[in-house]
Each structure stands twice: as structure tokens, then as C-alpha cells.
PDB file of all heavy atoms in Angstrom:
ATOM      1  N   LYS A   1      11.106 123.289 149.117  1.00  0.00           N
ATOM      2  CA  LYS A   1      10.676 122.046 149.901  1.00  0.00           C
ATOM      3  C   LYS A   1       9.245 122.118 150.316  1.00  0.00           C
ATOM      4  O   LYS A   1       8.690 123.227 150.466  1.00  0.00           O
ATOM      5  CB  LYS A   1      11.546 121.932 151.206  1.00  0.00           C
ATOM      6  CG  LYS A   1      13.017 121.701 150.864  1.00  0.00           C
ATOM      7  CD  LYS A   1      13.774 121.419 152.221  1.00  0.00           C
ATOM      8  CE  LYS A   1      15.189 121.074 151.904  1.00  0.00           C
ATOM      9  NZ  LYS A   1      15.962 120.766 153.191  1.00  0.00           N
ATOM     10  N   VAL A   2       8.721 120.919 150.487  1.00  0.00           N
ATOM     11  CA  VAL A   2       7.359 120.766 151.066  1.00  0.00           C
ATOM     12  C   VAL A   2       7.542 120.263 152.465  1.00  0.00           C
ATOM     13  O   VAL A   2       8.222 119.290 152.755  1.00  0.00           O
ATOM     14  CB  VAL A   2       6.469 119.755 150.304  1.00  0.00           C
ATOM     15  CG1 VAL A   2       5.206 119.502 150.999  1.00  0.00           C
ATOM     16  CG2 VAL A   2       6.192 120.302 148.857  1.00  0.00           C
ATOM     17  N   ILE A   3       6.914 120.958 153.406  1.00  0.00           N
ATOM     18  CA  ILE A   3       6.997 120.568 154.824  1.00  0.00           C
ATOM     19  C   ILE A   3       5.642 119.780 155.086  1.00  0.00           C
ATOM     20  O   ILE A   3       4.599 120.383 154.927  1.00  0.00           O
ATOM     21  CB  ILE A   3       7.048 121.735 155.773  1.00  0.00           C
ATOM     22  CG1 ILE A   3       8.343 122.474 155.451  1.00  0.00           C
ATOM     23  CG2 ILE A   3       7.170 121.272 157.228  1.00  0.00           C
ATOM     24  CD1 ILE A   3       8.497 123.789 156.203  1.00  0.00           C
ATOM     25  N   TYR A   4       5.699 118.609 155.526  1.00  0.00           N
ATOM     26  CA  TYR A   4       4.484 117.803 155.792  1.00  0.00           C
ATOM     27  C   TYR A   4       4.103 118.006 157.256  1.00  0.00           C
ATOM     28  O   TYR A   4       4.846 118.126 158.140  1.00  0.00           O
ATOM     29  CB  TYR A   4       4.741 116.331 155.511  1.00  0.00           C
ATOM     30  CG  TYR A   4       5.226 116.118 154.092  1.00  0.00           C
ATOM     31  CD1 TYR A   4       6.476 115.776 153.719  1.00  0.00           C
ATOM     32  CD2 TYR A   4       4.232 116.212 153.025  1.00  0.00           C
ATOM     33  CE1 TYR A   4       6.849 115.581 152.403  1.00  0.00           C
ATOM     34  CE2 TYR A   4       4.594 116.028 151.750  1.00  0.00           C
ATOM     35  CZ  TYR A   4       5.956 115.703 151.491  1.00  0.00           C
ATOM     36  OH  TYR A   4       6.303 115.535 150.160  1.00  0.00           O
ATOM     37  N   GLY A   5       2.739 118.096 157.375  1.00  0.00           N
ATOM     38  CA  GLY A   5       2.248 118.338 158.786  1.00  0.00           C
ATOM     39  C   GLY A   5       0.726 118.038 158.851  1.00  0.00           C
ATOM     40  O   GLY A   5       0.109 117.514 157.920  1.00  0.00           O
ATOM     41  N   VAL A   6       0.149 118.411 159.933  1.00  0.00           N
ATOM     42  CA  VAL A   6      -1.299 118.229 160.160  1.00  0.00           C
ATOM     43  C   VAL A   6      -1.800 119.247 161.182  1.00  0.00           C
ATOM     44  O   VAL A   6      -0.991 119.707 162.066  1.00  0.00           O
ATOM     45  CB  VAL A   6      -1.597 116.798 160.603  1.00  0.00           C
ATOM     46  CG1 VAL A   6      -1.027 116.580 162.042  1.00  0.00           C
ATOM     47  CG2 VAL A   6      -3.018 116.488 160.625  1.00  0.00           C
ATOM     48  N   GLU A   7      -2.970 119.698 160.993  1.00  0.00           N
ATOM     49  CA  GLU A   7      -3.654 120.446 162.057  1.00  0.00           C
ATOM     50  C   GLU A   7      -4.441 119.427 162.905  1.00  0.00           C
ATOM     51  O   GLU A   7      -5.496 118.949 162.488  1.00  0.00           O
ATOM     52  CB  GLU A   7      -4.611 121.574 161.518  1.00  0.00           C
ATOM     53  CG  GLU A   7      -5.167 122.406 162.640  1.00  0.00           C
ATOM     54  CD  GLU A   7      -5.793 123.650 162.193  1.00  0.00           C
ATOM     55  OE1 GLU A   7      -5.846 123.909 160.953  1.00  0.00           O
ATOM     56  OE2 GLU A   7      -6.351 124.421 163.071  1.00  0.00           O
ATOM     57  N   ALA A   8      -3.907 119.120 164.051  1.00  0.00           N
ATOM     58  CA  ALA A   8      -4.389 117.963 164.799  1.00  0.00           C
ATOM     59  C   ALA A   8      -5.466 118.398 165.829  1.00  0.00           C
ATOM     60  O   ALA A   8      -5.531 119.654 166.234  1.00  0.00           O
ATOM     61  CB  ALA A   8      -3.296 117.296 165.571  1.00  0.00           C
ATOM     62  N   TYR A   9      -6.296 117.483 166.185  1.00  0.00           N
ATOM     63  CA  TYR A   9      -7.214 117.713 167.323  1.00  0.00           C
ATOM     64  C   TYR A   9      -6.619 117.039 168.589  1.00  0.00           C
ATOM     65  O   TYR A   9      -6.691 115.825 168.736  1.00  0.00           O
ATOM     66  CB  TYR A   9      -8.595 117.115 167.013  1.00  0.00           C
ATOM     67  CG  TYR A   9      -9.262 117.591 165.786  1.00  0.00           C
ATOM     68  CD1 TYR A   9      -9.129 116.975 164.593  1.00  0.00           C
ATOM     69  CD2 TYR A   9     -10.006 118.837 165.771  1.00  0.00           C
ATOM     70  CE1 TYR A   9      -9.741 117.437 163.421  1.00  0.00           C
ATOM     71  CE2 TYR A   9     -10.568 119.313 164.645  1.00  0.00           C
ATOM     72  CZ  TYR A   9     -10.445 118.656 163.478  1.00  0.00           C
ATOM     73  OH  TYR A   9     -11.025 119.201 162.324  1.00  0.00           O
ATOM     74  N   ILE A  10      -6.050 117.863 169.406  1.00  0.00           N
ATOM     75  CA  ILE A  10      -5.363 117.355 170.632  1.00  0.00           C
ATOM     76  C   ILE A  10      -6.314 117.350 171.822  1.00  0.00           C
ATOM     77  O   ILE A  10      -7.078 118.254 172.121  1.00  0.00           O
ATOM     78  CB  ILE A  10      -4.168 118.275 170.984  1.00  0.00           C
ATOM     79  CG1 ILE A  10      -3.165 118.294 169.804  1.00  0.00           C
ATOM     80  CG2 ILE A  10      -3.424 117.746 172.218  1.00  0.00           C
ATOM     81  CD1 ILE A  10      -2.597 117.001 169.400  1.00  0.00           C
ATOM     82  N   VAL A  11      -6.253 116.222 172.577  1.00  0.00           N
ATOM     83  CA  VAL A  11      -7.120 116.086 173.810  1.00  0.00           C
ATOM     84  C   VAL A  11      -6.091 115.945 174.991  1.00  0.00           C
ATOM     85  O   VAL A  11      -5.120 115.122 174.951  1.00  0.00           O
ATOM     86  CB  VAL A  11      -7.929 114.833 173.796  1.00  0.00           C
ATOM     87  CG1 VAL A  11      -8.673 114.650 175.059  1.00  0.00           C
ATOM     88  CG2 VAL A  11      -8.923 115.009 172.601  1.00  0.00           C
ATOM     89  N   ASP A  12      -6.252 116.814 175.978  1.00  0.00           N
ATOM     90  CA  ASP A  12      -5.338 116.728 177.159  1.00  0.00           C
ATOM     91  C   ASP A  12      -5.834 115.678 178.183  1.00  0.00           C
ATOM     92  O   ASP A  12      -6.574 115.911 179.069  1.00  0.00           O
ATOM     93  CB  ASP A  12      -5.291 118.052 177.863  1.00  0.00           C
ATOM     94  CG  ASP A  12      -4.245 118.112 178.986  1.00  0.00           C
ATOM     95  OD1 ASP A  12      -3.556 117.133 179.147  1.00  0.00           O
ATOM     96  OD2 ASP A  12      -4.125 119.213 179.594  1.00  0.00           O
ATOM     97  N   ASP A  13      -5.352 114.404 177.895  1.00  0.00           N
ATOM     98  CA  ASP A  13      -5.694 113.333 178.773  1.00  0.00           C
ATOM     99  C   ASP A  13      -4.733 113.214 179.940  1.00  0.00           C
ATOM    100  O   ASP A  13      -4.937 112.320 180.772  1.00  0.00           O
ATOM    101  CB  ASP A  13      -5.701 112.003 178.000  1.00  0.00           C
ATOM    102  CG  ASP A  13      -4.312 111.636 177.436  1.00  0.00           C
ATOM    103  OD1 ASP A  13      -3.625 112.609 177.020  1.00  0.00           O
ATOM    104  OD2 ASP A  13      -3.938 110.459 177.351  1.00  0.00           O
ATOM    105  N   LEU A  14      -3.828 114.064 180.039  1.00  0.00           N
ATOM    106  CA  LEU A  14      -2.910 114.153 181.179  1.00  0.00           C
ATOM    107  C   LEU A  14      -3.332 115.000 182.322  1.00  0.00           C
ATOM    108  O   LEU A  14      -2.766 115.061 183.425  1.00  0.00           O
ATOM    109  CB  LEU A  14      -1.493 114.523 180.760  1.00  0.00           C
ATOM    110  CG  LEU A  14      -0.787 113.657 179.689  1.00  0.00           C
ATOM    111  CD1 LEU A  14       0.480 114.295 179.248  1.00  0.00           C
ATOM    112  CD2 LEU A  14      -0.602 112.273 180.151  1.00  0.00           C
ATOM    113  N   LYS A  15      -4.403 115.772 182.058  1.00  0.00           N
ATOM    114  CA  LYS A  15      -4.935 116.716 183.099  1.00  0.00           C
ATOM    115  C   LYS A  15      -5.676 115.958 184.131  1.00  0.00           C
ATOM    116  O   LYS A  15      -6.570 115.111 183.858  1.00  0.00           O
ATOM    117  CB  LYS A  15      -5.892 117.695 182.413  1.00  0.00           C
ATOM    118  CG  LYS A  15      -6.488 118.714 183.311  1.00  0.00           C
ATOM    119  CD  LYS A  15      -7.322 119.743 182.521  1.00  0.00           C
ATOM    120  CE  LYS A  15      -8.481 119.126 181.891  1.00  0.00           C
ATOM    121  NZ  LYS A  15      -9.346 120.080 181.237  1.00  0.00           N
ATOM    122  N   ASP A  16      -5.365 116.228 185.395  1.00  0.00           N
ATOM    123  CA  ASP A  16      -6.031 115.622 186.504  1.00  0.00           C
ATOM    124  C   ASP A  16      -7.437 116.027 186.625  1.00  0.00           C
ATOM    125  O   ASP A  16      -7.804 117.242 186.309  1.00  0.00           O
ATOM    126  CB  ASP A  16      -5.281 115.945 187.768  1.00  0.00           C
ATOM    127  CG  ASP A  16      -3.919 115.321 187.943  1.00  0.00           C
ATOM    128  OD1 ASP A  16      -3.767 114.235 187.405  1.00  0.00           O
ATOM    129  OD2 ASP A  16      -3.085 115.825 188.667  1.00  0.00           O
ATOM    130  N   ILE A  17      -8.308 115.079 186.992  1.00  0.00           N
ATOM    131  CA  ILE A  17      -9.661 115.464 187.320  1.00  0.00           C
ATOM    132  C   ILE A  17      -9.794 116.307 188.517  1.00  0.00           C
ATOM    133  O   ILE A  17     -10.555 117.339 188.542  1.00  0.00           O
ATOM    134  CB  ILE A  17     -10.612 114.244 187.442  1.00  0.00           C
ATOM    135  CG1 ILE A  17     -10.585 113.461 186.104  1.00  0.00           C
ATOM    136  CG2 ILE A  17     -11.979 114.538 187.887  1.00  0.00           C
ATOM    137  CD1 ILE A  17     -11.371 112.078 186.276  1.00  0.00           C
ATOM    138  N   ALA A  18      -8.959 115.979 189.526  1.00  0.00           N
ATOM    139  CA  ALA A  18      -8.906 116.838 190.757  1.00  0.00           C
ATOM    140  C   ALA A  18      -7.562 117.497 190.677  1.00  0.00           C
ATOM    141  O   ALA A  18      -6.531 116.936 190.938  1.00  0.00           O
ATOM    142  CB  ALA A  18      -8.922 115.894 191.967  1.00  0.00           C
ATOM    143  N   LEU A  19      -7.641 118.768 190.404  1.00  0.00           N
ATOM    144  CA  LEU A  19      -6.475 119.591 190.214  1.00  0.00           C
ATOM    145  C   LEU A  19      -5.820 119.905 191.605  1.00  0.00           C
ATOM    146  O   LEU A  19      -6.567 120.307 192.495  1.00  0.00           O
ATOM    147  CB  LEU A  19      -6.720 120.923 189.509  1.00  0.00           C
ATOM    148  CG  LEU A  19      -7.168 120.710 188.033  1.00  0.00           C
ATOM    149  CD1 LEU A  19      -7.507 122.159 187.438  1.00  0.00           C
ATOM    150  CD2 LEU A  19      -6.216 120.009 187.177  1.00  0.00           C
ATOM    151  N   ARG A  20      -4.522 119.737 191.715  1.00  0.00           N
ATOM    152  CA  ARG A  20      -3.781 120.093 193.015  1.00  0.00           C
ATOM    153  C   ARG A  20      -4.367 119.388 194.194  1.00  0.00           C
ATOM    154  O   ARG A  20      -4.526 119.922 195.214  1.00  0.00           O
ATOM    155  CB  ARG A  20      -3.779 121.590 193.162  1.00  0.00           C
ATOM    156  CG  ARG A  20      -3.090 122.351 192.057  1.00  0.00           C
ATOM    157  CD  ARG A  20      -3.125 123.848 192.334  1.00  0.00           C
ATOM    158  NE  ARG A  20      -4.493 124.442 192.249  1.00  0.00           N
ATOM    159  CZ  ARG A  20      -4.968 124.889 191.138  1.00  0.00           C
ATOM    160  NH1 ARG A  20      -4.294 124.852 190.066  1.00  0.00           N
ATOM    161  NH2 ARG A  20      -6.218 125.398 191.129  1.00  0.00           N
ATOM    162  N   GLU A  21      -4.619 118.061 193.998  1.00  0.00           N
ATOM    163  CA  GLU A  21      -5.185 117.319 195.159  1.00  0.00           C
ATOM    164  C   GLU A  21      -4.146 117.159 196.258  1.00  0.00           C
ATOM    165  O   GLU A  21      -2.957 117.111 195.987  1.00  0.00           O
ATOM    166  CB  GLU A  21      -5.688 115.867 194.664  1.00  0.00           C
ATOM    167  CG  GLU A  21      -4.581 115.028 194.084  1.00  0.00           C
ATOM    168  CD  GLU A  21      -3.890 114.170 195.205  1.00  0.00           C
ATOM    169  OE1 GLU A  21      -4.420 114.109 196.333  1.00  0.00           O
ATOM    170  OE2 GLU A  21      -2.784 113.699 194.918  1.00  0.00           O
ATOM    171  N   LYS A  22      -4.651 117.232 197.465  1.00  0.00           N
ATOM    172  CA  LYS A  22      -3.733 117.137 198.641  1.00  0.00           C
ATOM    173  C   LYS A  22      -4.085 115.942 199.535  1.00  0.00           C
ATOM    174  O   LYS A  22      -4.007 116.034 200.801  1.00  0.00           O
ATOM    175  CB  LYS A  22      -3.854 118.427 199.371  1.00  0.00           C
ATOM    176  CG  LYS A  22      -3.594 119.683 198.585  1.00  0.00           C
ATOM    177  CD  LYS A  22      -3.720 120.983 199.449  1.00  0.00           C
ATOM    178  CE  LYS A  22      -3.515 122.195 198.542  1.00  0.00           C
ATOM    179  NZ  LYS A  22      -4.640 122.407 197.652  1.00  0.00           N
ATOM    180  N   GLY A  23      -4.453 114.832 198.956  1.00  0.00           N
ATOM    181  CA  GLY A  23      -4.777 113.670 199.742  1.00  0.00           C
ATOM    182  C   GLY A  23      -6.127 113.570 200.282  1.00  0.00           C
ATOM    183  O   GLY A  23      -6.431 112.770 201.145  1.00  0.00           O
ATOM    184  N   GLN A  24      -7.086 114.505 199.790  1.00  0.00           N
ATOM    185  CA  GLN A  24      -8.439 114.473 200.391  1.00  0.00           C
ATOM    186  C   GLN A  24      -9.215 113.252 200.033  1.00  0.00           C
ATOM    187  O   GLN A  24      -8.945 112.588 199.027  1.00  0.00           O
ATOM    188  CB  GLN A  24      -9.187 115.751 199.875  1.00  0.00           C
ATOM    189  CG  GLN A  24      -8.608 117.061 200.242  1.00  0.00           C
ATOM    190  CD  GLN A  24      -7.715 117.640 199.152  1.00  0.00           C
ATOM    191  OE1 GLN A  24      -7.021 116.901 198.417  1.00  0.00           O
ATOM    192  NE2 GLN A  24      -7.756 118.984 199.042  1.00  0.00           N
ATOM    193  N   ASP A  25     -10.135 112.872 200.927  1.00  0.00           N
ATOM    194  CA  ASP A  25     -11.022 111.812 200.591  1.00  0.00           C
ATOM    195  C   ASP A  25     -12.458 112.368 200.520  1.00  0.00           C
ATOM    196  O   ASP A  25     -12.598 113.566 200.597  1.00  0.00           O
ATOM    197  CB  ASP A  25     -11.014 110.698 201.624  1.00  0.00           C
ATOM    198  CG  ASP A  25     -11.391 111.118 203.004  1.00  0.00           C
ATOM    199  OD1 ASP A  25     -12.094 112.082 203.180  1.00  0.00           O
ATOM    200  OD2 ASP A  25     -10.830 110.542 203.991  1.00  0.00           O
ATOM    201  N   TYR A  26     -13.511 111.544 200.298  1.00  0.00           N
ATOM    202  CA  TYR A  26     -14.780 112.062 200.072  1.00  0.00           C
ATOM    203  C   TYR A  26     -15.555 112.387 201.315  1.00  0.00           C
ATOM    204  O   TYR A  26     -16.731 112.796 201.237  1.00  0.00           O
ATOM    205  CB  TYR A  26     -15.587 111.067 199.168  1.00  0.00           C
ATOM    206  CG  TYR A  26     -15.040 110.933 197.855  1.00  0.00           C
ATOM    207  CD1 TYR A  26     -14.516 109.655 197.381  1.00  0.00           C
ATOM    208  CD2 TYR A  26     -14.844 112.009 197.008  1.00  0.00           C
ATOM    209  CE1 TYR A  26     -13.970 109.536 196.096  1.00  0.00           C
ATOM    210  CE2 TYR A  26     -14.278 111.893 195.739  1.00  0.00           C
ATOM    211  CZ  TYR A  26     -13.840 110.627 195.332  1.00  0.00           C
ATOM    212  OH  TYR A  26     -13.239 110.461 194.084  1.00  0.00           O
ATOM    213  N   ASP A  27     -14.969 112.289 202.437  1.00  0.00           N
ATOM    214  CA  ASP A  27     -15.590 112.788 203.695  1.00  0.00           C
ATOM    215  C   ASP A  27     -15.058 114.186 204.003  1.00  0.00           C
ATOM    216  O   ASP A  27     -15.562 114.732 204.993  1.00  0.00           O
ATOM    217  CB  ASP A  27     -15.200 111.861 204.860  1.00  0.00           C
ATOM    218  CG  ASP A  27     -15.915 110.535 204.810  1.00  0.00           C
ATOM    219  OD1 ASP A  27     -17.011 110.480 204.063  1.00  0.00           O
ATOM    220  OD2 ASP A  27     -15.409 109.539 205.340  1.00  0.00           O
ATOM    221  N   ASP A  28     -14.219 114.769 203.245  1.00  0.00           N
ATOM    222  CA  ASP A  28     -13.747 116.086 203.497  1.00  0.00           C
ATOM    223  C   ASP A  28     -14.771 117.103 203.095  1.00  0.00           C
ATOM    224  O   ASP A  28     -15.810 116.774 202.610  1.00  0.00           O
ATOM    225  CB  ASP A  28     -12.415 116.285 202.725  1.00  0.00           C
ATOM    226  CG  ASP A  28     -11.272 115.631 203.495  1.00  0.00           C
ATOM    227  OD1 ASP A  28     -11.122 115.771 204.776  1.00  0.00           O
ATOM    228  OD2 ASP A  28     -10.440 114.989 202.870  1.00  0.00           O
ATOM    229  N   THR A  29     -14.446 118.439 203.183  1.00  0.00           N
ATOM    230  CA  THR A  29     -15.358 119.526 202.858  1.00  0.00           C
ATOM    231  C   THR A  29     -15.240 119.874 201.414  1.00  0.00           C
ATOM    232  O   THR A  29     -14.095 120.091 200.869  1.00  0.00           O
ATOM    233  CB  THR A  29     -15.037 120.714 203.766  1.00  0.00           C
ATOM    234  OG1 THR A  29     -15.286 120.368 205.106  1.00  0.00           O
ATOM    235  CG2 THR A  29     -16.024 121.854 203.445  1.00  0.00           C
ATOM    236  N   TYR A  30     -16.421 119.986 200.660  1.00  0.00           N
ATOM    237  CA  TYR A  30     -16.385 120.347 199.326  1.00  0.00           C
ATOM    238  C   TYR A  30     -17.348 121.605 199.153  1.00  0.00           C
ATOM    239  O   TYR A  30     -18.513 121.484 199.681  1.00  0.00           O
ATOM    240  CB  TYR A  30     -16.869 119.191 198.402  1.00  0.00           C
ATOM    241  CG  TYR A  30     -15.869 118.076 198.396  1.00  0.00           C
ATOM    242  CD1 TYR A  30     -15.813 117.070 199.431  1.00  0.00           C
ATOM    243  CD2 TYR A  30     -14.936 117.956 197.382  1.00  0.00           C
ATOM    244  CE1 TYR A  30     -14.906 116.079 199.428  1.00  0.00           C
ATOM    245  CE2 TYR A  30     -14.061 116.861 197.304  1.00  0.00           C
ATOM    246  CZ  TYR A  30     -14.074 115.964 198.389  1.00  0.00           C
ATOM    247  OH  TYR A  30     -13.122 114.909 198.334  1.00  0.00           O
ATOM    248  N   ILE A  31     -16.896 122.545 198.456  1.00  0.00           N
ATOM    249  CA  ILE A  31     -17.713 123.736 198.216  1.00  0.00           C
ATOM    250  C   ILE A  31     -18.114 123.730 196.812  1.00  0.00           C
ATOM    251  O   ILE A  31     -17.299 123.976 195.904  1.00  0.00           O
ATOM    252  CB  ILE A  31     -16.898 125.048 198.523  1.00  0.00           C
ATOM    253  CG1 ILE A  31     -16.283 124.999 199.938  1.00  0.00           C
ATOM    254  CG2 ILE A  31     -17.805 126.243 198.350  1.00  0.00           C
ATOM    255  CD1 ILE A  31     -17.301 124.840 201.058  1.00  0.00           C
ATOM    256  N   VAL A  32     -19.381 123.420 196.548  1.00  0.00           N
ATOM    257  CA  VAL A  32     -19.922 123.306 195.140  1.00  0.00           C
ATOM    258  C   VAL A  32     -20.526 124.736 194.912  1.00  0.00           C
ATOM    259  O   VAL A  32     -21.468 125.156 195.591  1.00  0.00           O
ATOM    260  CB  VAL A  32     -20.972 122.240 195.038  1.00  0.00           C
ATOM    261  CG1 VAL A  32     -21.393 122.106 193.581  1.00  0.00           C
ATOM    262  CG2 VAL A  32     -20.453 120.950 195.628  1.00  0.00           C
ATOM    263  N   PHE A  33     -19.955 125.361 193.833  1.00  0.00           N
ATOM    264  CA  PHE A  33     -20.406 126.865 193.632  1.00  0.00           C
ATOM    265  C   PHE A  33     -20.610 127.140 192.162  1.00  0.00           C
ATOM    266  O   PHE A  33     -20.214 126.387 191.264  1.00  0.00           O
ATOM    267  CB  PHE A  33     -19.385 127.783 194.249  1.00  0.00           C
ATOM    268  CG  PHE A  33     -18.140 128.050 193.420  1.00  0.00           C
ATOM    269  CD1 PHE A  33     -17.934 129.192 192.797  1.00  0.00           C
ATOM    270  CD2 PHE A  33     -17.234 127.030 193.317  1.00  0.00           C
ATOM    271  CE1 PHE A  33     -16.837 129.395 192.006  1.00  0.00           C
ATOM    272  CE2 PHE A  33     -16.050 127.228 192.554  1.00  0.00           C
ATOM    273  CZ  PHE A  33     -15.863 128.460 191.888  1.00  0.00           C
ATOM    274  N   ASP A  34     -21.323 128.240 191.950  1.00  0.00           N
ATOM    275  CA  ASP A  34     -21.534 128.655 190.613  1.00  0.00           C
ATOM    276  C   ASP A  34     -21.574 130.231 190.622  1.00  0.00           C
ATOM    277  O   ASP A  34     -21.953 130.844 191.637  1.00  0.00           O
ATOM    278  CB  ASP A  34     -22.917 128.218 190.051  1.00  0.00           C
ATOM    279  CG  ASP A  34     -23.190 128.556 188.630  1.00  0.00           C
ATOM    280  OD1 ASP A  34     -22.487 128.058 187.764  1.00  0.00           O
ATOM    281  OD2 ASP A  34     -23.998 129.436 188.433  1.00  0.00           O
ATOM    282  N   LEU A  35     -21.165 130.829 189.475  1.00  0.00           N
ATOM    283  CA  LEU A  35     -21.169 132.291 189.377  1.00  0.00           C
ATOM    284  C   LEU A  35     -22.048 132.682 188.176  1.00  0.00           C
ATOM    285  O   LEU A  35     -22.127 131.965 187.236  1.00  0.00           O
ATOM    286  CB  LEU A  35     -19.755 132.806 189.155  1.00  0.00           C
ATOM    287  CG  LEU A  35     -18.604 132.487 190.093  1.00  0.00           C
ATOM    288  CD1 LEU A  35     -17.315 133.147 189.710  1.00  0.00           C
ATOM    289  CD2 LEU A  35     -18.973 132.934 191.545  1.00  0.00           C
ATOM    290  N   GLU A  36     -22.629 133.937 188.318  1.00  0.00           N
ATOM    291  CA  GLU A  36     -23.228 134.532 187.191  1.00  0.00           C
ATOM    292  C   GLU A  36     -22.362 135.780 186.916  1.00  0.00           C
ATOM    293  O   GLU A  36     -21.939 136.538 187.880  1.00  0.00           O
ATOM    294  CB  GLU A  36     -24.647 134.969 187.403  1.00  0.00           C
ATOM    295  CG  GLU A  36     -25.554 133.703 187.658  1.00  0.00           C
ATOM    296  CD  GLU A  36     -25.575 132.680 186.545  1.00  0.00           C
ATOM    297  OE1 GLU A  36     -25.310 133.070 185.377  1.00  0.00           O
ATOM    298  OE2 GLU A  36     -25.842 131.540 186.843  1.00  0.00           O
ATOM    299  N   THR A  37     -22.026 136.082 185.714  1.00  0.00           N
ATOM    300  CA  THR A  37     -21.130 137.192 185.352  1.00  0.00           C
ATOM    301  C   THR A  37     -21.638 138.086 184.239  1.00  0.00           C
ATOM    302  O   THR A  37     -22.625 137.687 183.594  1.00  0.00           O
ATOM    303  CB  THR A  37     -19.742 136.637 185.058  1.00  0.00           C
ATOM    304  OG1 THR A  37     -19.851 135.948 183.746  1.00  0.00           O
ATOM    305  CG2 THR A  37     -19.162 135.731 186.059  1.00  0.00           C
ATOM    306  N   THR A  38     -21.046 139.141 183.972  1.00  0.00           N
ATOM    307  CA  THR A  38     -21.420 140.046 182.856  1.00  0.00           C
ATOM    308  C   THR A  38     -20.925 139.564 181.526  1.00  0.00           C
ATOM    309  O   THR A  38     -21.196 140.223 180.554  1.00  0.00           O
ATOM    310  CB  THR A  38     -21.044 141.510 183.131  1.00  0.00           C
ATOM    311  OG1 THR A  38     -19.567 141.527 183.274  1.00  0.00           O
ATOM    312  CG2 THR A  38     -21.658 142.004 184.405  1.00  0.00           C
ATOM    313  N   GLY A  39     -20.031 138.558 181.489  1.00  0.00           N
ATOM    314  CA  GLY A  39     -19.460 138.081 180.291  1.00  0.00           C
ATOM    315  C   GLY A  39     -18.486 136.977 180.522  1.00  0.00           C
ATOM    316  O   GLY A  39     -18.425 136.398 181.682  1.00  0.00           O
ATOM    317  N   PHE A  40     -17.733 136.567 179.561  1.00  0.00           N
ATOM    318  CA  PHE A  40     -16.883 135.353 179.597  1.00  0.00           C
ATOM    319  C   PHE A  40     -15.428 135.588 180.065  1.00  0.00           C
ATOM    320  O   PHE A  40     -14.760 134.712 180.345  1.00  0.00           O
ATOM    321  CB  PHE A  40     -16.884 134.612 178.315  1.00  0.00           C
ATOM    322  CG  PHE A  40     -18.212 134.129 177.881  1.00  0.00           C
ATOM    323  CD1 PHE A  40     -18.878 134.703 176.757  1.00  0.00           C
ATOM    324  CD2 PHE A  40     -18.829 133.129 178.534  1.00  0.00           C
ATOM    325  CE1 PHE A  40     -20.152 134.285 176.336  1.00  0.00           C
ATOM    326  CE2 PHE A  40     -20.157 132.669 178.185  1.00  0.00           C
ATOM    327  CZ  PHE A  40     -20.779 133.264 177.045  1.00  0.00           C
ATOM    328  N   SER A  41     -15.028 136.878 180.121  1.00  0.00           N
ATOM    329  CA  SER A  41     -13.666 137.233 180.447  1.00  0.00           C
ATOM    330  C   SER A  41     -13.464 137.521 181.966  1.00  0.00           C
ATOM    331  O   SER A  41     -14.144 138.495 182.348  1.00  0.00           O
ATOM    332  CB  SER A  41     -13.124 138.355 179.531  1.00  0.00           C
ATOM    333  OG  SER A  41     -11.861 138.803 180.000  1.00  0.00           O
TER     334      SER A  41
END
């Protein structure tokens, strides 16, 4: 048999922009941060 398929390019459009939001508004506290590391892992 031949199994038909595709190697697709999937985009996760279901992912929230604000992960695990708890009802915050834009007057709440936001910690904008950045790290430098020795590598990617």
C-alpha cells in the first residue's frame, strides 16, 4: 500500500499571548526582564 501524507508547517494559533492570565489589566505590575546565558539550554 501507499500511505498518503504531508510534512506540514503547523502554526500554534491556539496559544495565548498572555499565558496563564489571572484577570490582570494594564495598570498591574509587569516585570520586563532579560537574561544573558552561557548557551541555549
